[in-house]
Protein backbone atom coordinates (compact mmCIF):
# COMPACT_ATOMS: atom_id res chain seq x y z
CA UNK A 1 0.04 0.20 0.00
CA UNK A 2 1.40 3.45 -0.65
CA UNK A 3 0.09 6.78 0.49
CA UNK A 4 0.32 10.05 -0.87
CA UNK A 5 1.84 12.85 0.94
CA UNK A 6 3.15 11.79 3.74
CA UNK A 7 6.10 9.45 5.23
CA UNK A 8 4.89 7.19 8.15
CA UNK A 9 6.69 4.79 10.42
CA UNK A 10 5.41 1.03 11.50
CA UNK A 11 4.69 1.48 15.33
CA UNK A 12 8.02 -1.01 16.04
CA UNK A 13 10.29 1.62 14.63
CA UNK A 14 12.38 1.18 11.48
CA UNK A 15 12.42 4.00 8.77
CA UNK A 16 10.05 6.32 7.32
CA UNK A 17 8.50 5.14 4.07
CA UNK A 18 5.29 5.84 1.93
CA UNK A 19 4.88 2.17 0.50
CA UNK A 20 4.46 -1.09 2.85
CA UNK A 21 4.01 -4.66 1.33
CA UNK A 22 0.45 -6.26 2.81
CA UNK A 23 0.15 -9.51 2.56
CA UNK A 24 -3.30 -11.13 1.62
CA UNK A 25 -5.61 -11.12 4.86
CA UNK A 26 -3.07 -8.98 6.74
CA UNK A 27 -3.62 -5.93 8.16
CA UNK A 28 -1.13 -2.87 8.84
CA UNK A 29 -0.68 -0.16 11.39
CA UNK A 30 1.27 2.96 10.53
CA UNK A 31 1.93 6.34 12.37
CA UNK A 32 2.14 9.88 10.56
CA UNK A 33 2.11 13.29 11.50
CA UNK A 34 -1.06 14.61 10.05
CA UNK A 35 1.21 18.16 8.60
CA UNK A 36 0.14 18.31 4.92
CA UNK A 37 -3.58 19.26 5.19
CA UNK A 38 -5.05 18.15 1.79
CA UNK A 39 -6.95 15.33 0.83
CA UNK A 40 -4.39 12.32 0.16
CA UNK A 41 -4.97 9.00 -1.91
CA UNK A 42 -3.98 5.85 -0.55
CA UNK A 43 -3.78 3.14 -2.39
CA UNK A 44 -2.76 -0.68 -3.90
CA UNK A 45 0.68 -0.57 -6.29
CA UNK A 46 -0.75 -3.35 -8.07
CA UNK A 47 -3.36 -1.67 -10.77
CA UNK A 48 -5.83 -4.61 -11.04
CA UNK A 49 -6.63 -4.12 -6.84
CA UNK A 50 -6.67 -0.64 -7.25
CA UNK A 51 -9.35 -0.81 -10.09
CA UNK A 52 -11.21 -3.61 -7.85
CA UNK A 53 -11.47 -1.25 -4.91
CA UNK A 54 -8.36 -1.10 -2.65
CA UNK A 55 -8.35 2.90 -2.31
CA UNK A 56 -8.89 5.53 -0.08
CA UNK A 57 -8.44 9.27 0.47
CA UNK A 58 -7.32 10.42 3.97
CA UNK A 59 -8.52 13.94 3.94
CA UNK A 60 -7.99 16.57 7.06
CA UNK A 61 -7.50 20.23 7.47
CA UNK A 62 -5.19 22.35 9.95
């Protein structure tokens, strides 16, 4: 999964990133600073999955 407009970190630590592999049936927790207001897309990089609906929008204002 890829998050536009931000970098994030997994709660266990590690490098900041904007893309993580999520295996089938798995979930992902992440932490990011909401410091770039607007409407941001999060989606699967597999086009078939994106077309099937694996996309969402994260939106906020400051």
